[in-house]
Structures are given as C-alpha cells and as structure tokens.
C-alpha cells in the first residue's frame, strides 16, 4: 500500500541533530512516522509534538501524500533569555508515495497529543472479492460464413 518513503530519512535526521539545523520552508526537517495496515484501512501516524494544529498542511497529488507543519518558538516577551535549547524548531515535512489501492479521496485526519493520525481506506477495487461460478450450462462459440462469432448456450 505504501510504495516507498524517503530513503535517507534517518541519515538526514542524524545530520540535522548533529549540526543543530532547524527546518525552513525550502529545506524542511523530516518527522518520524509509522504506517500500519489495519483491516480495510491504512493508518499513518506522524510525531509532531508542540505543533499547533493550524500550522499542519496536508496535500495529496497523484498519490503523493505531503505533510508539512511548523513548530514556532514560545514567545515569552523581550526579557526572556534562552538558557537551553534542545527542542527542534522550524518546518517539518514528509512525503509518502501511496499505492493505487488506497482511496485518497476519503482521507481522515485527526491531531491529538502531538500525534497526527491519517486514516486512508483501502479502495473497493483493491479489496478481496469472491467470483461466483455457474454450473450446468455450457457454451460453445461458432463462426458463421461471414466470420462473425456466435455464442450458443446449451
């Protein structure tokens, strides 16, 4: 169902932690994600602690799911002096390539306790189905003089 994701996600995350870089709109930081198949739906969870729900942007274009969010610093006024900064700030983004078996027209998104959860149903055409077999009738294909085929059911 999930075709592939970014191949260097872990390497990028380690480099950003090592160099202390914050994400920008032109060069966003990646976010951790889990993808799980649960019956007739696909569930994707993104870790976005400290992100305001109104800063989350979700787009789907040609089966490419893009999630972007921005974590802004806490504004404590002019007299505040930072003593320690470990929480990453800036823009976070993740792109996932979704398979054709997912119904991207009916994605449900919920954000609670710093976790964005997307639920994508499996498309009806991709669900397993039974094919009925009829017994007792046989058919025969014949051709007349003009070459047209006729089906004779007996």
Protein backbone atom coordinates (compact mmCIF):
# COMPACT_ATOMS: atom_id res chain seq x y z
CA UNK A 1 0.00 0.00 0.00
CA UNK A 2 2.84 2.39 0.83
CA UNK A 3 5.06 2.40 -2.20
CA UNK A 4 8.19 3.89 -0.66
CA UNK A 5 9.29 6.74 1.50
CA UNK A 6 12.36 8.91 1.62
CA UNK A 7 15.41 6.59 1.56
CA UNK A 8 17.72 8.83 3.60
CA UNK A 9 15.34 9.86 6.36
CA UNK A 10 17.48 8.52 9.22
CA UNK A 11 20.69 9.95 7.78
CA UNK A 12 19.05 13.37 7.36
CA UNK A 13 17.67 13.28 10.90
CA UNK A 14 21.07 12.43 12.39
CA UNK A 15 22.80 15.15 10.36
CA UNK A 16 20.25 17.72 11.48
CA UNK A 17 20.71 16.74 15.12
CA UNK A 18 24.49 16.81 14.79
CA UNK A 19 24.64 20.20 13.08
CA UNK A 20 21.75 21.69 15.05
CA UNK A 21 19.92 22.81 11.92
CA UNK A 22 16.32 23.95 12.06
CA UNK A 23 13.93 23.29 9.23
CA UNK A 24 13.00 26.04 6.79
CA UNK A 25 10.31 26.11 4.10
CA UNK A 26 12.95 25.49 1.45
CA UNK A 27 14.77 22.82 3.46
CA UNK A 28 12.38 21.23 6.00
CA UNK A 29 13.28 18.72 8.70
CA UNK A 30 11.76 15.23 8.47
CA UNK A 31 9.37 13.89 11.09
CA UNK A 32 9.07 10.35 12.47
CA UNK A 33 6.23 8.30 11.02
CA UNK A 34 4.56 4.90 11.49
CA UNK A 35 2.45 3.24 8.78
CA UNK A 36 0.15 0.33 9.67
CA UNK A 37 -2.40 -1.73 7.72
CA UNK A 38 -5.47 -2.27 9.90
CA UNK A 39 -8.15 -4.31 8.14
CA UNK A 40 -9.72 -2.20 5.40
CA UNK A 41 -7.73 0.94 6.15
CA UNK A 42 -4.19 2.21 6.21
CA UNK A 43 -3.19 4.23 9.29
CA UNK A 44 -0.26 6.66 9.22
CA UNK A 45 0.91 8.41 12.42
CA UNK A 46 3.26 11.42 12.41
CA UNK A 47 5.03 12.71 15.54
CA UNK A 48 4.54 16.48 15.77
CA UNK A 49 4.80 17.42 19.45
CA UNK A 50 4.45 21.11 20.19
CA UNK A 51 2.99 21.89 16.78
CA UNK A 52 -0.20 23.91 16.58
CA UNK A 53 -2.99 22.16 14.64
CA UNK A 54 -3.48 25.23 12.44
CA UNK A 55 0.13 25.02 11.19
CA UNK A 56 -0.37 21.50 9.75
CA UNK A 57 -0.84 21.29 5.97
CA UNK A 58 -1.79 18.01 4.23
CA UNK A 59 -1.78 17.63 0.44
CA UNK A 60 -2.36 14.68 -1.89
CA UNK A 61 -1.37 14.97 -5.52
CA UNK A 62 -1.09 11.97 -7.85
CA UNK A 63 -0.81 9.52 -4.94
CA UNK A 64 1.93 11.56 -3.24
CA UNK A 65 0.96 12.47 0.32
CA UNK A 66 2.77 15.54 1.70
CA UNK A 67 2.50 16.61 5.34
CA UNK A 68 4.06 19.94 6.42
CA UNK A 69 4.00 21.59 9.81
CA UNK A 70 5.82 24.37 11.62
CA UNK A 71 6.89 24.47 15.27
CA UNK A 72 7.44 28.04 16.41
CA UNK A 73 9.38 29.13 19.49
CA UNK A 74 7.47 30.03 22.63
CA UNK A 75 7.09 33.81 22.90
CA UNK A 76 7.81 34.87 26.47
CA UNK A 77 8.47 38.54 25.76
CA UNK A 78 11.56 40.70 25.39
CA UNK A 79 13.07 40.00 28.81
CA UNK A 80 13.38 36.23 28.29
CA UNK A 81 16.90 34.84 27.89
CA UNK A 82 17.30 31.34 26.50
CA UNK A 83 19.40 29.09 28.73
CA UNK A 84 18.97 25.77 26.95
CA UNK A 85 17.50 24.86 23.54
CA UNK A 86 17.08 21.19 22.65
CA UNK A 87 13.64 21.08 21.06
CA UNK A 88 13.86 21.36 17.27
CA UNK A 89 12.04 24.33 15.77
CA UNK A 90 11.12 25.25 12.26
CA UNK A 91 9.41 23.49 9.40
CA UNK A 92 8.86 19.73 9.27
CA UNK A 93 7.81 17.84 6.15
CA UNK A 94 7.33 14.29 4.99
CA UNK A 95 6.31 12.83 1.63
CA UNK A 96 4.95 9.33 1.21
CA UNK A 97 4.15 7.63 -2.08
CA UNK A 98 0.80 5.86 -1.80
CA UNK A 99 -0.24 2.87 -3.90
CA UNK A 100 -3.25 2.86 -6.22
CA UNK A 101 -5.03 0.51 -3.82
CA UNK A 102 -5.73 3.38 -1.39
CA UNK A 103 -8.79 5.65 -1.63
CA UNK A 104 -7.08 9.06 -1.34
CA UNK A 105 -10.42 10.86 -1.82
CA UNK A 106 -11.54 9.79 1.67
CA UNK A 107 -8.58 10.53 3.98
CA UNK A 108 -9.50 11.27 7.60
CA UNK A 109 -7.05 13.37 9.66
CA UNK A 110 -7.01 13.78 13.46
CA UNK A 111 -4.45 15.57 15.65
CA UNK A 112 -4.23 14.79 19.36
CA UNK A 113 -1.40 14.98 21.92
CA UNK A 114 1.22 15.84 19.32
CA UNK A 115 0.38 12.94 17.01
CA UNK A 116 -1.21 13.44 13.59
CA UNK A 117 -3.11 10.30 12.54
CA UNK A 118 -4.28 9.83 8.97
CA UNK A 119 -6.71 7.03 8.10
CA UNK A 120 -6.88 6.08 4.44
CA UNK A 121 -9.43 3.44 3.40
CA UNK A 122 -8.48 0.65 1.03
CA UNK A 123 -10.19 1.25 -2.35
CA UNK A 124 -13.12 -1.04 -3.14
CA UNK A 125 -11.41 -2.27 -6.32
CA UNK A 126 -8.42 -3.45 -4.26
CA UNK A 127 -10.39 -5.42 -1.66
CA UNK A 128 -10.57 -9.21 -1.99
CA UNK A 129 -13.81 -10.42 -3.55
CA UNK A 130 -15.47 -13.70 -4.46
CA UNK A 131 -16.19 -14.72 -8.02
CA UNK A 132 -19.25 -16.91 -8.45
CA UNK A 133 -19.16 -19.93 -10.70
CA UNK A 134 -22.28 -21.11 -12.51
CA UNK A 135 -22.72 -24.81 -13.19
CA UNK A 136 -24.93 -26.77 -15.52
CA UNK A 137 -24.71 -24.57 -18.61
CA UNK A 138 -22.10 -24.95 -21.25
CA UNK A 139 -21.47 -22.55 -24.06
CA UNK A 140 -19.96 -23.06 -27.46
CA UNK A 141 -18.50 -20.47 -29.80
CA UNK A 142 -19.09 -20.95 -33.52
CA UNK A 143 -18.42 -18.80 -36.56
CA UNK A 144 -20.83 -18.33 -39.46
CA UNK A 145 -19.79 -17.90 -43.09
CA UNK A 146 -19.13 -14.17 -42.67
CA UNK A 147 -16.66 -14.87 -39.85
CA UNK A 148 -18.86 -13.42 -37.11
CA UNK A 149 -18.79 -15.36 -33.88
CA UNK A 150 -21.95 -16.61 -32.19
CA UNK A 151 -22.23 -17.94 -28.67
CA UNK A 152 -24.59 -20.90 -28.32
CA UNK A 153 -25.65 -21.70 -24.76
CA UNK A 154 -26.92 -25.19 -24.14
